PDB file of N, CA and C in Angstrom:
ATOM      1  N   UNK A   1       1.014  -1.278   0.162  1.00  0.00           N
ATOM      2  CA  UNK A   1      -0.132   0.013  -0.137  1.00  0.00           C
ATOM      3  C   UNK A   1       0.935   1.139  -0.022  1.00  0.00           C
ATOM      4  N   UNK A   2       0.360   2.482  -0.616  1.00  0.00           N
ATOM      5  CA  UNK A   2       1.200   3.535  -0.845  1.00  0.00           C
ATOM      6  C   UNK A   2       0.863   4.420   0.256  1.00  0.00           C
ATOM      7  N   UNK A   3       1.634   4.968   1.042  1.00  0.00           N
ATOM      8  CA  UNK A   3       1.265   5.959   1.922  1.00  0.00           C
ATOM      9  C   UNK A   3       2.154   7.535   1.466  1.00  0.00           C
ATOM     10  N   UNK A   4       1.389   8.350   1.695  1.00  0.00           N
ATOM     11  CA  UNK A   4       1.994   9.774   1.910  1.00  0.00           C
ATOM     12  C   UNK A   4       3.187   9.886   2.727  1.00  0.00           C
ATOM     13  N   UNK A   5       4.287  10.714   2.369  1.00  0.00           N
ATOM     14  CA  UNK A   5       5.102  11.156   3.251  1.00  0.00           C
ATOM     15  C   UNK A   5       4.686  11.722   4.389  1.00  0.00           C
ATOM     16  N   UNK A   6       5.058  11.988   5.830  1.00  0.00           N
ATOM     17  CA  UNK A   6       4.427  12.597   6.892  1.00  0.00           C
ATOM     18  C   UNK A   6       4.548  14.118   6.533  1.00  0.00           C
ATOM     19  N   UNK A   7       5.709  14.705   5.612  1.00  0.00           N
ATOM     20  CA  UNK A   7       5.798  15.968   5.557  1.00  0.00           C
ATOM     21  C   UNK A   7       4.816  16.313   4.142  1.00  0.00           C
ATOM     22  N   UNK A   8       4.105  15.911   3.620  1.00  0.00           N
ATOM     23  CA  UNK A   8       3.383  15.934   2.772  1.00  0.00           C
ATOM     24  C   UNK A   8       1.877  16.100   3.239  1.00  0.00           C
ATOM     25  N   UNK A   9       1.801  15.453   4.375  1.00  0.00           N
ATOM     26  CA  UNK A   9       0.255  15.318   4.715  1.00  0.00           C
ATOM     27  C   UNK A   9       0.391  15.780   6.203  1.00  0.00           C
ATOM     28  N   UNK A  10      -0.206  17.076   5.965  1.00  0.00           N
ATOM     29  CA  UNK A  10      -0.251  17.969   7.704  1.00  0.00           C
ATOM     30  C   UNK A  10      -1.675  18.409   7.543  1.00  0.00           C
ATOM     31  N   UNK A  11      -2.170  18.237   8.849  1.00  0.00           N
ATOM     32  CA  UNK A  11      -3.506  18.618   9.100  1.00  0.00           C
ATOM     33  C   UNK A  11      -3.611  20.174   9.287  1.00  0.00           C
ATOM     34  N   UNK A  12      -2.576  20.686   9.738  1.00  0.00           N
ATOM     35  CA  UNK A  12      -2.544  22.239   9.953  1.00  0.00           C
ATOM     36  C   UNK A  12      -2.663  23.147   8.413  1.00  0.00           C
ATOM     37  N   UNK A  13      -2.351  22.354   7.656  1.00  0.00           N
ATOM     38  CA  UNK A  13      -2.235  23.197   6.244  1.00  0.00           C
ATOM     39  C   UNK A  13      -3.586  22.911   5.371  1.00  0.00           C
ATOM     40  N   UNK A  14      -3.995  24.018   4.730  1.00  0.00           N
ATOM     41  CA  UNK A  14      -5.282  24.147   4.004  1.00  0.00           C
ATOM     42  C   UNK A  14      -4.867  23.337   2.657  1.00  0.00           C
ATOM     43  N   UNK A  15      -5.880  22.435   2.142  1.00  0.00           N
ATOM     44  CA  UNK A  15      -5.789  21.642   1.017  1.00  0.00           C
ATOM     45  C   UNK A  15      -5.608  22.398  -0.009  1.00  0.00           C
ATOM     46  N   UNK A  16      -4.851  22.113  -1.030  1.00  0.00           N
ATOM     47  CA  UNK A  16      -4.802  22.788  -2.104  1.00  0.00           C
ATOM     48  C   UNK A  16      -6.105  23.142  -2.889  1.00  0.00           C
ATOM     49  N   UNK A  17      -6.129  24.453  -3.651  1.00  0.00           N
ATOM     50  CA  UNK A  17      -7.340  24.660  -4.405  1.00  0.00           C
ATOM     51  C   UNK A  17      -7.303  23.722  -5.538  1.00  0.00           C
ATOM     52  N   UNK A  18      -8.534  23.113  -5.871  1.00  0.00           N
ATOM     53  CA  UNK A  18      -8.902  22.294  -7.039  1.00  0.00           C
ATOM     54  C   UNK A  18      -9.718  22.955  -7.949  1.00  0.00           C
ATOM     55  N   UNK A  19      -9.224  23.712  -8.900  1.00  0.00           N
ATOM     56  CA  UNK A  19      -9.978  24.595  -9.868  1.00  0.00           C
ATOM     57  C   UNK A  19     -10.694  23.796 -10.964  1.00  0.00           C
ATOM     58  N   UNK A  20     -11.720  23.739 -11.351  1.00  0.00           N
ATOM     59  CA  UNK A  20     -12.240  23.136 -12.479  1.00  0.00           C
ATOM     60  C   UNK A  20     -11.907  21.661 -12.644  1.00  0.00           C
ATOM     61  N   UNK A  21     -11.959  21.053 -11.324  1.00  0.00           N
ATOM     62  CA  UNK A  21     -11.737  19.605 -11.351  1.00  0.00           C
ATOM     63  C   UNK A  21     -12.944  19.053 -10.559  1.00  0.00           C
ATOM     64  N   UNK A  22     -13.335  17.980 -11.003  1.00  0.00           N
ATOM     65  CA  UNK A  22     -14.770  17.220 -10.450  1.00  0.00           C
ATOM     66  C   UNK A  22     -14.291  16.754  -8.922  1.00  0.00           C
ATOM     67  N   UNK A  23     -15.725  16.897  -8.092  1.00  0.00           N
ATOM     68  CA  UNK A  23     -15.454  16.204  -6.734  1.00  0.00           C
ATOM     69  C   UNK A  23     -15.120  14.814  -6.810  1.00  0.00           C
ATOM     70  N   UNK A  24     -14.321  14.599  -5.730  1.00  0.00           N
ATOM     71  CA  UNK A  24     -14.051  13.066  -5.452  1.00  0.00           C
ATOM     72  C   UNK A  24     -14.006  12.971  -3.944  1.00  0.00           C
ATOM     73  N   UNK A  25     -14.764  11.916  -3.545  1.00  0.00           N
ATOM     74  CA  UNK A  25     -14.543  11.356  -2.092  1.00  0.00           C
ATOM     75  C   UNK A  25     -13.200  11.302  -1.452  1.00  0.00           C
ATOM     76  N   UNK A  26     -13.105  11.537  -0.215  1.00  0.00           N
ATOM     77  CA  UNK A  26     -11.898  11.385   0.537  1.00  0.00           C
ATOM     78  C   UNK A  26     -11.315   9.985   0.393  1.00  0.00           C
ATOM     79  N   UNK A  27     -12.160   8.973   0.149  1.00  0.00           N
ATOM     80  CA  UNK A  27     -11.755   7.749  -0.007  1.00  0.00           C
ATOM     81  C   UNK A  27     -11.035   7.323  -1.382  1.00  0.00           C
ATOM     82  N   UNK A  28     -11.267   8.189  -2.223  1.00  0.00           N
ATOM     83  CA  UNK A  28     -10.782   7.735  -3.593  1.00  0.00           C
ATOM     84  C   UNK A  28      -9.290   7.773  -3.692  1.00  0.00           C
ATOM     85  N   UNK A  29      -8.761   6.963  -3.946  1.00  0.00           N
ATOM     86  CA  UNK A  29      -7.278   7.013  -4.135  1.00  0.00           C
ATOM     87  C   UNK A  29      -7.058   6.373  -5.739  1.00  0.00           C
ATOM     88  N   UNK A  30      -5.932   7.393  -6.249  1.00  0.00           N
ATOM     89  CA  UNK A  30      -5.745   7.344  -7.841  1.00  0.00           C
ATOM     90  C   UNK A  30      -4.937   5.855  -7.909  1.00  0.00           C
ATOM     91  N   UNK A  31      -5.101   5.535  -9.074  1.00  0.00           N
ATOM     92  CA  UNK A  31      -4.579   4.139  -9.425  1.00  0.00           C
ATOM     93  C   UNK A  31      -2.878   4.140  -9.332  1.00  0.00           C
ATOM     94  N   UNK A  32      -2.352   3.553  -9.124  1.00  0.00           N
ATOM     95  CA  UNK A  32      -0.854   3.238  -9.001  1.00  0.00           C
ATOM     96  C   UNK A  32      -0.398   2.474 -10.437  1.00  0.00           C
ATOM     97  N   UNK A  33       0.788   2.624 -11.056  1.00  0.00           N
ATOM     98  CA  UNK A  33       1.044   1.798 -12.191  1.00  0.00           C
ATOM     99  C   UNK A  33       1.228   0.389 -11.693  1.00  0.00           C
ATOM    100  N   UNK A  34       1.584  -0.092 -10.453  1.00  0.00           N
ATOM    101  CA  UNK A  34       1.683  -1.512 -10.442  1.00  0.00           C
ATOM    102  C   UNK A  34       0.113  -1.887 -10.160  1.00  0.00           C
ATOM    103  N   UNK A  35      -0.771  -1.236  -9.782  1.00  0.00           N
ATOM    104  CA  UNK A  35      -2.216  -2.053  -9.700  1.00  0.00           C
ATOM    105  C   UNK A  35      -2.544  -2.079 -11.139  1.00  0.00           C
ATOM    106  N   UNK A  36      -2.185  -1.274 -12.269  1.00  0.00           N
ATOM    107  CA  UNK A  36      -2.560  -1.356 -13.643  1.00  0.00           C
ATOM    108  C   UNK A  36      -2.018  -2.736 -14.057  1.00  0.00           C
ATOM    109  N   UNK A  37      -0.655  -2.627 -13.881  1.00  0.00           N
ATOM    110  CA  UNK A  37       0.146  -3.851 -14.166  1.00  0.00           C
ATOM    111  C   UNK A  37      -0.247  -5.188 -13.810  1.00  0.00           C
ATOM    112  N   UNK A  38      -0.769  -5.232 -12.617  1.00  0.00           N
ATOM    113  CA  UNK A  38      -0.910  -6.608 -11.820  1.00  0.00           C
ATOM    114  C   UNK A  38      -2.432  -6.957 -11.844  1.00  0.00           C
ATOM    115  N   UNK A  39      -3.209  -6.028 -12.605  1.00  0.00           N
ATOM    116  CA  UNK A  39      -4.704  -6.253 -12.717  1.00  0.00           C
ATOM    117  C   UNK A  39      -5.001  -7.515 -13.130  1.00  0.00           C
ATOM    118  N   UNK A  40      -5.942  -8.231 -12.801  1.00  0.00           N
ATOM    119  CA  UNK A  40      -6.644  -9.699 -13.446  1.00  0.00           C
ATOM    120  C   UNK A  40      -8.152  -9.747 -13.402  1.00  0.00           C
ATOM    121  N   UNK A  41      -8.486 -10.048 -14.366  1.00  0.00           N
ATOM    122  CA  UNK A  41     -10.016  -9.708 -14.789  1.00  0.00           C
ATOM    123  C   UNK A  41     -10.683 -11.385 -14.416  1.00  0.00           C
ATOM    124  N   UNK A  42     -11.833 -11.258 -14.078  1.00  0.00           N
ATOM    125  CA  UNK A  42     -12.389 -12.674 -13.835  1.00  0.00           C
ATOM    126  C   UNK A  42     -12.626 -13.123 -15.057  1.00  0.00           C
ATOM    127  N   UNK A  43     -12.399 -14.796 -15.174  1.00  0.00           N
ATOM    128  CA  UNK A  43     -12.664 -15.333 -16.408  1.00  0.00           C
ATOM    129  C   UNK A  43     -14.007 -15.748 -16.292  1.00  0.00           C
ATOM    130  N   UNK A  44     -14.584 -15.748 -17.611  1.00  0.00           N
ATOM    131  CA  UNK A  44     -16.099 -15.956 -18.171  1.00  0.00           C
ATOM    132  C   UNK A  44     -16.112 -16.851 -19.151  1.00  0.00           C
ATOM    133  N   UNK A  45     -17.201 -17.371 -19.546  1.00  0.00           N
ATOM    134  CA  UNK A  45     -17.317 -18.163 -20.814  1.00  0.00           C
ATOM    135  C   UNK A  45     -17.216 -19.741 -20.212  1.00  0.00           C
ATOM    136  N   UNK A  46     -17.450 -20.711 -21.191  1.00  0.00           N
ATOM    137  CA  UNK A  46     -17.110 -22.169 -20.738  1.00  0.00           C
ATOM    138  C   UNK A  46     -15.803 -22.594 -20.779  1.00  0.00           C
ATOM    139  N   UNK A  47     -14.851 -21.638 -21.449  1.00  0.00           N
ATOM    140  CA  UNK A  47     -13.381 -22.109 -21.428  1.00  0.00           C
ATOM    141  C   UNK A  47     -12.699 -21.231 -20.355  1.00  0.00           C
ATOM    142  N   UNK A  48     -13.344 -20.164 -19.916  1.00  0.00           N
ATOM    143  CA  UNK A  48     -12.684 -19.457 -19.037  1.00  0.00           C
ATOM    144  C   UNK A  48     -11.545 -18.560 -19.874  1.00  0.00           C
ATOM    145  N   UNK A  49     -11.550 -18.285 -20.945  1.00  0.00           N
ATOM    146  CA  UNK A  49     -10.587 -17.492 -21.824  1.00  0.00           C
ATOM    147  C   UNK A  49     -10.962 -16.295 -21.880  1.00  0.00           C
ATOM    148  N   UNK A  50     -12.301 -15.946 -21.680  1.00  0.00           N
ATOM    149  CA  UNK A  50     -12.706 -14.344 -21.758  1.00  0.00           C
ATOM    150  C   UNK A  50     -12.644 -13.835 -20.590  1.00  0.00           C
ATOM    151  N   UNK A  51     -12.952 -12.501 -20.433  1.00  0.00           N
ATOM    152  CA  UNK A  51     -12.983 -11.513 -19.172  1.00  0.00           C
ATOM    153  C   UNK A  51     -14.363 -10.891 -19.131  1.00  0.00           C
ATOM    154  N   UNK A  52     -14.479 -10.624 -18.205  1.00  0.00           N
ATOM    155  CA  UNK A  52     -16.064 -10.075 -17.959  1.00  0.00           C
ATOM    156  C   UNK A  52     -16.107  -8.499 -18.725  1.00  0.00           C
ATOM    157  N   UNK A  53     -16.578  -8.172 -19.459  1.00  0.00           N
ATOM    158  CA  UNK A  53     -16.750  -6.962 -20.478  1.00  0.00           C
ATOM    159  C   UNK A  53     -17.026  -5.901 -19.142  1.00  0.00           C
ATOM    160  N   UNK A  54     -18.019  -6.011 -18.449  1.00  0.00           N
ATOM    161  CA  UNK A  54     -18.327  -4.939 -17.359  1.00  0.00           C
ATOM    162  C   UNK A  54     -17.190  -4.471 -16.675  1.00  0.00           C
ATOM    163  N   UNK A  55     -16.514  -5.471 -16.004  1.00  0.00           N
ATOM    164  CA  UNK A  55     -15.376  -5.249 -15.340  1.00  0.00           C
ATOM    165  C   UNK A  55     -14.223  -4.581 -15.962  1.00  0.00           C
ATOM    166  N   UNK A  56     -14.024  -4.883 -17.063  1.00  0.00           N
ATOM    167  CA  UNK A  56     -13.137  -4.444 -17.930  1.00  0.00           C
ATOM    168  C   UNK A  56     -13.293  -3.089 -18.210  1.00  0.00           C
ATOM    169  N   UNK A  57     -14.545  -2.831 -18.575  1.00  0.00           N
ATOM    170  CA  UNK A  57     -15.000  -1.289 -18.820  1.00  0.00           C
ATOM    171  C   UNK A  57     -14.895  -0.328 -17.741  1.00  0.00           C
ATOM    172  N   UNK A  58     -15.330  -0.794 -16.688  1.00  0.00           N
ATOM    173  CA  UNK A  58     -14.882  -0.193 -15.358  1.00  0.00           C
ATOM    174  C   UNK A  58     -13.695   0.156 -15.257  1.00  0.00           C
ATOM    175  N   UNK A  59     -12.589  -0.794 -15.049  1.00  0.00           N
ATOM    176  CA  UNK A  59     -11.522  -0.553 -15.158  1.00  0.00           C
ATOM    177  C   UNK A  59     -10.889   0.782 -16.208  1.00  0.00           C
ATOM    178  N   UNK A  60     -11.152   0.359 -16.923  1.00  0.00           N
ATOM    179  CA  UNK A  60     -10.627   1.211 -18.204  1.00  0.00           C
ATOM    180  C   UNK A  60     -11.281   2.651 -18.042  1.00  0.00           C
ATOM    181  N   UNK A  61     -12.383   2.675 -17.602  1.00  0.00           N
ATOM    182  CA  UNK A  61     -12.739   4.118 -17.097  1.00  0.00           C
ATOM    183  C   UNK A  61     -12.138   4.801 -15.955  1.00  0.00           C
ATOM    184  N   UNK A  62     -11.622   3.906 -15.102  1.00  0.00           N
ATOM    185  CA  UNK A  62     -10.941   4.615 -14.076  1.00  0.00           C
ATOM    186  C   UNK A  62      -9.570   5.031 -14.311  1.00  0.00           C
ATOM    187  N   UNK A  63      -8.886   4.113 -15.383  1.00  0.00           N
ATOM    188  CA  UNK A  63      -7.754   4.629 -15.936  1.00  0.00           C
ATOM    189  C   UNK A  63      -7.921   5.854 -16.633  1.00  0.00           C
ATOM    190  N   UNK A  64      -8.862   5.751 -17.825  1.00  0.00           N
ATOM    191  CA  UNK A  64      -9.189   7.066 -18.317  1.00  0.00           C
ATOM    192  C   UNK A  64      -9.096   8.195 -17.389  1.00  0.00           C
ATOM    193  N   UNK A  65      -9.983   7.974 -16.321  1.00  0.00           N
ATOM    194  CA  UNK A  65     -10.286   9.434 -15.430  1.00  0.00           C
ATOM    195  C   UNK A  65      -8.797   9.514 -15.011  1.00  0.00           C
ATOM    196  N   UNK A  66      -8.032   8.733 -14.271  1.00  0.00           N
ATOM    197  CA  UNK A  66      -6.773   8.954 -13.894  1.00  0.00           C
ATOM    198  C   UNK A  66      -5.776   9.657 -14.638  1.00  0.00           C
ATOM    199  N   UNK A  67      -5.845   9.231 -15.946  1.00  0.00           N
ATOM    200  CA  UNK A  67      -4.999  10.041 -17.064  1.00  0.00           C
ATOM    201  C   UNK A  67      -5.389  11.318 -17.178  1.00  0.00           C
ATOM    202  N   UNK A  68      -6.631  11.476 -17.327  1.00  0.00           N
ATOM    203  CA  UNK A  68      -7.025  12.990 -17.618  1.00  0.00           C
ATOM    204  C   UNK A  68      -6.855  13.816 -16.716  1.00  0.00           C
ATOM    205  N   UNK A  69      -6.854  13.059 -15.263  1.00  0.00           N
ATOM    206  CA  UNK A  69      -6.873  13.971 -14.222  1.00  0.00           C
ATOM    207  C   UNK A  69      -5.238  14.490 -14.417  1.00  0.00           C
ATOM    208  N   UNK A  70      -4.208  13.323 -14.736  1.00  0.00           N
ATOM    209  CA  UNK A  70      -2.701  13.551 -14.549  1.00  0.00           C
ATOM    210  C   UNK A  70      -2.410  14.575 -15.698  1.00  0.00           C
ATOM    211  N   UNK A  71      -3.040  14.392 -17.041  1.00  0.00           N
ATOM    212  CA  UNK A  71      -2.641  15.597 -18.062  1.00  0.00           C
ATOM    213  C   UNK A  71      -3.197  16.790 -17.652  1.00  0.00           C
ATOM    214  N   UNK A  72      -4.550  16.969 -17.096  1.00  0.00           N
ATOM    215  CA  UNK A  72      -4.872  18.486 -16.477  1.00  0.00           C
ATOM    216  C   UNK A  72      -3.933  19.044 -15.431  1.00  0.00           C
ATOM    217  N   UNK A  73      -3.288  17.951 -14.412  1.00  0.00           N
ATOM    218  CA  UNK A  73      -2.322  18.745 -13.453  1.00  0.00           C
ATOM    219  C   UNK A  73      -1.270  19.017 -14.436  1.00  0.00           C
ATOM    220  N   UNK A  74      -0.686  18.075 -15.288  1.00  0.00           N
ATOM    221  CA  UNK A  74       0.546  18.499 -15.986  1.00  0.00           C
ATOM    222  C   UNK A  74       0.391  19.865 -16.699  1.00  0.00           C
ATOM    223  N   UNK A  75      -0.647  20.067 -17.200  1.00  0.00           N
ATOM    224  CA  UNK A  75      -0.958  21.324 -17.925  1.00  0.00           C
ATOM    225  C   UNK A  75      -0.804  22.636 -16.884  1.00  0.00           C
ATOM    226  N   UNK A  76      -1.640  22.332 -16.104  1.00  0.00           N
ATOM    227  CA  UNK A  76      -1.299  23.368 -14.953  1.00  0.00           C
ATOM    228  C   UNK A  76      -0.100  23.867 -14.659  1.00  0.00           C
ATOM    229  N   UNK A  77       0.553  22.504 -14.111  1.00  0.00           N
ATOM    230  CA  UNK A  77       2.012  22.803 -13.873  1.00  0.00           C
ATOM    231  C   UNK A  77       2.828  23.588 -14.935  1.00  0.00           C
ATOM    232  N   UNK A  78       2.666  23.023 -16.250  1.00  0.00           N
ATOM    233  CA  UNK A  78       3.363  23.920 -16.942  1.00  0.00           C
ATOM    234  C   UNK A  78       3.164  25.410 -17.248  1.00  0.00           C
ATOM    235  N   UNK A  79       1.646  25.760 -16.906  1.00  0.00           N
ATOM    236  CA  UNK A  79       1.326  27.006 -17.244  1.00  0.00           C
ATOM    237  C   UNK A  79       1.845  27.713 -15.963  1.00  0.00           C
ATOM    238  N   UNK A  80       1.869  27.446 -14.898  1.00  0.00           N
ATOM    239  CA  UNK A  80       2.414  27.760 -14.038  1.00  0.00           C
ATOM    240  C   UNK A  80       3.987  28.323 -13.842  1.00  0.00           C
ATOM    241  N   UNK A  81       4.722  27.007 -14.363  1.00  0.00           N
ATOM    242  CA  UNK A  81       6.109  27.009 -14.825  1.00  0.00           C
ATOM    243  C   UNK A  81       6.478  28.302 -15.685  1.00  0.00           C
ATOM    244  N   UNK A  82       5.551  28.528 -16.880  1.00  0.00           N
ATOM    245  CA  UNK A  82       5.658  29.457 -18.014  1.00  0.00           C
ATOM    246  C   UNK A  82       5.865  30.812 -16.797  1.00  0.00           C
ATOM    247  N   UNK A  83       4.659  31.025 -16.203  1.00  0.00           N
ATOM    248  CA  UNK A  83       4.554  32.357 -15.807  1.00  0.00           C
ATOM    249  C   UNK A  83       5.389  32.673 -14.584  1.00  0.00           C
ATOM    250  N   UNK A  84       6.041  31.477 -13.871  1.00  0.00           N
ATOM    251  CA  UNK A  84       7.368  31.739 -13.130  1.00  0.00           C
ATOM    252  C   UNK A  84       8.574  32.392 -13.875  1.00  0.00           C
ATOM    253  N   UNK A  85       8.660  31.669 -14.998  1.00  0.00           N
ATOM    254  CA  UNK A  85      10.020  31.864 -15.759  1.00  0.00           C
ATOM    255  C   UNK A  85       9.761  33.539 -16.607  1.00  0.00           C
ATOM    256  N   UNK A  86       8.369  33.786 -16.775  1.00  0.00           N
ATOM    257  CA  UNK A  86       8.205  35.246 -16.956  1.00  0.00           C
ATOM    258  C   UNK A  86       8.757  35.974 -16.352  1.00  0.00           C
ATOM    259  N   UNK A  87       8.190  36.074 -14.942  1.00  0.00           N
ATOM    260  CA  UNK A  87       8.017  36.830 -13.967  1.00  0.00           C
ATOM    261  C   UNK A  87       9.743  36.686 -13.361  1.00  0.00           C
ATOM    262  N   UNK A  88      10.450  35.839 -13.541  1.00  0.00           N
ATOM    263  CA  UNK A  88      11.771  35.845 -13.176  1.00  0.00           C
ATOM    264  C   UNK A  88      12.522  36.688 -14.390  1.00  0.00           C
ATOM    265  N   UNK A  89      12.116  36.317 -15.745  1.00  0.00           N
ATOM    266  CA  UNK A  89      13.047  37.264 -16.491  1.00  0.00           C
ATOM    267  C   UNK A  89      12.583  38.569 -16.403  1.00  0.00           C
ATOM    268  N   UNK A  90      11.344  39.142 -16.164  1.00  0.00           N
ATOM    269  CA  UNK A  90      11.202  40.516 -15.800  1.00  0.00           C
ATOM    270  C   UNK A  90      11.927  41.144 -14.799  1.00  0.00           C
ATOM    271  N   UNK A  91      12.081  40.259 -13.671  1.00  0.00           N
ATOM    272  CA  UNK A  91      12.774  40.825 -12.601  1.00  0.00           C
ATOM    273  C   UNK A  91      14.221  40.813 -12.773  1.00  0.00           C
ATOM    274  N   UNK A  92      14.762  39.881 -13.430  1.00  0.00           N
ATOM    275  CA  UNK A  92      15.971  40.178 -13.722  1.00  0.00           C
ATOM    276  C   UNK A  92      16.348  41.062 -14.940  1.00  0.00           C
ATOM    277  N   UNK A  93      15.428  41.755 -15.660  1.00  0.00           N
ATOM    278  CA  UNK A  93      15.868  42.595 -16.603  1.00  0.00           C
ATOM    279  C   UNK A  93      15.783  44.030 -15.666  1.00  0.00           C
ATOM    280  N   UNK A  94      14.563  43.917 -14.668  1.00  0.00           N
ATOM    281  CA  UNK A  94      14.692  45.385 -13.991  1.00  0.00           C
ATOM    282  C   UNK A  94      15.806  45.531 -12.962  1.00  0.00           C
ATOM    283  N   UNK A  95      16.502  44.231 -12.398  1.00  0.00           N
ATOM    284  CA  UNK A  95      17.782  44.429 -11.617  1.00  0.00           C
ATOM    285  C   UNK A  95      18.890  44.768 -12.721  1.00  0.00           C
ATOM    286  N   UNK A  96      19.008  44.248 -13.791  1.00  0.00           N
ATOM    287  CA  UNK A  96      20.003  44.785 -14.680  1.00  0.00           C
ATOM    288  C   UNK A  96      20.093  46.343 -14.886  1.00  0.00           C
ATOM    289  N   UNK A  97      18.824  46.511 -15.182  1.00  0.00           N
ATOM    290  CA  UNK A  97      18.365  48.232 -15.437  1.00  0.00           C
ATOM    291  C   UNK A  97      19.011  48.939 -14.138  1.00  0.00           C
ATOM    292  N   UNK A  98      18.730  48.429 -12.857  1.00  0.00           N
ATOM    293  CA  UNK A  98      18.936  49.253 -11.613  1.00  0.00           C
ATOM    294  C   UNK A  98      20.617  49.028 -11.771  1.00  0.00           C
ATOM    295  N   UNK A  99      20.972  47.992 -11.745  1.00  0.00           N
ATOM    296  CA  UNK A  99      22.511  47.983 -11.761  1.00  0.00           C
ATOM    297  C   UNK A  99      23.404  48.764 -12.747  1.00  0.00           C
ATOM    298  N   UNK A 100      22.823  48.910 -13.903  1.00  0.00           N
ATOM    299  CA  UNK A 100      23.509  50.015 -14.849  1.00  0.00           C
ATOM    300  C   UNK A 100      23.153  51.417 -14.446  1.00  0.00           C
ATOM    301  N   UNK A 101      22.003  51.795 -13.956  1.00  0.00           N
ATOM    302  CA  UNK A 101      21.985  53.108 -13.252  1.00  0.00           C
ATOM    303  C   UNK A 101      22.751  53.246 -12.106  1.00  0.00           C
ATOM    304  N   UNK A 102      23.047  52.405 -11.451  1.00  0.00           N
ATOM    305  CA  UNK A 102      23.928  52.699 -10.273  1.00  0.00           C
ATOM    306  C   UNK A 102      25.423  53.005 -10.646  1.00  0.00           C
ATOM    307  N   UNK A 103      25.504  51.949 -11.552  1.00  0.00           N
ATOM    308  CA  UNK A 103      27.148  52.260 -12.104  1.00  0.00           C
ATOM    309  C   UNK A 103      27.178  53.574 -12.918  1.00  0.00           C
ATOM    310  N   UNK A 104      26.256  54.077 -13.448  1.00  0.00           N
ATOM    311  CA  UNK A 104      26.383  55.500 -14.111  1.00  0.00           C
ATOM    312  C   UNK A 104      26.439  56.666 -13.193  1.00  0.00           C
ATOM    313  N   UNK A 105      26.234  56.546 -11.923  1.00  0.00           N
ATOM    314  CA  UNK A 105      26.403  57.570 -10.980  1.00  0.00           C
ATOM    315  C   UNK A 105      27.473  57.955 -10.761  1.00  0.00           C
TER     316      UNK A 105
END
């Protein structure tokens, strides 16, 4: 079972804002790669060589949901990264200008 490190799970912190995301219960745990790799489905049919389509569809829906959430979070992080880099570039430009003005005095 996967457990969050203690430093990441603190009660005195506010949970991160979740903009534009659907509500999930507190009991929901995203799939881990090992769970996907090790997943086995119930054999069905006379020979036992098929799998239950309802079970497979439910699992695929969960995988697709987790992937969509991961891609959305990745896009958000990339957007934040671009904003931070832009702000850093602007700050550095102001610092260079200030340094040149001080050198000219």
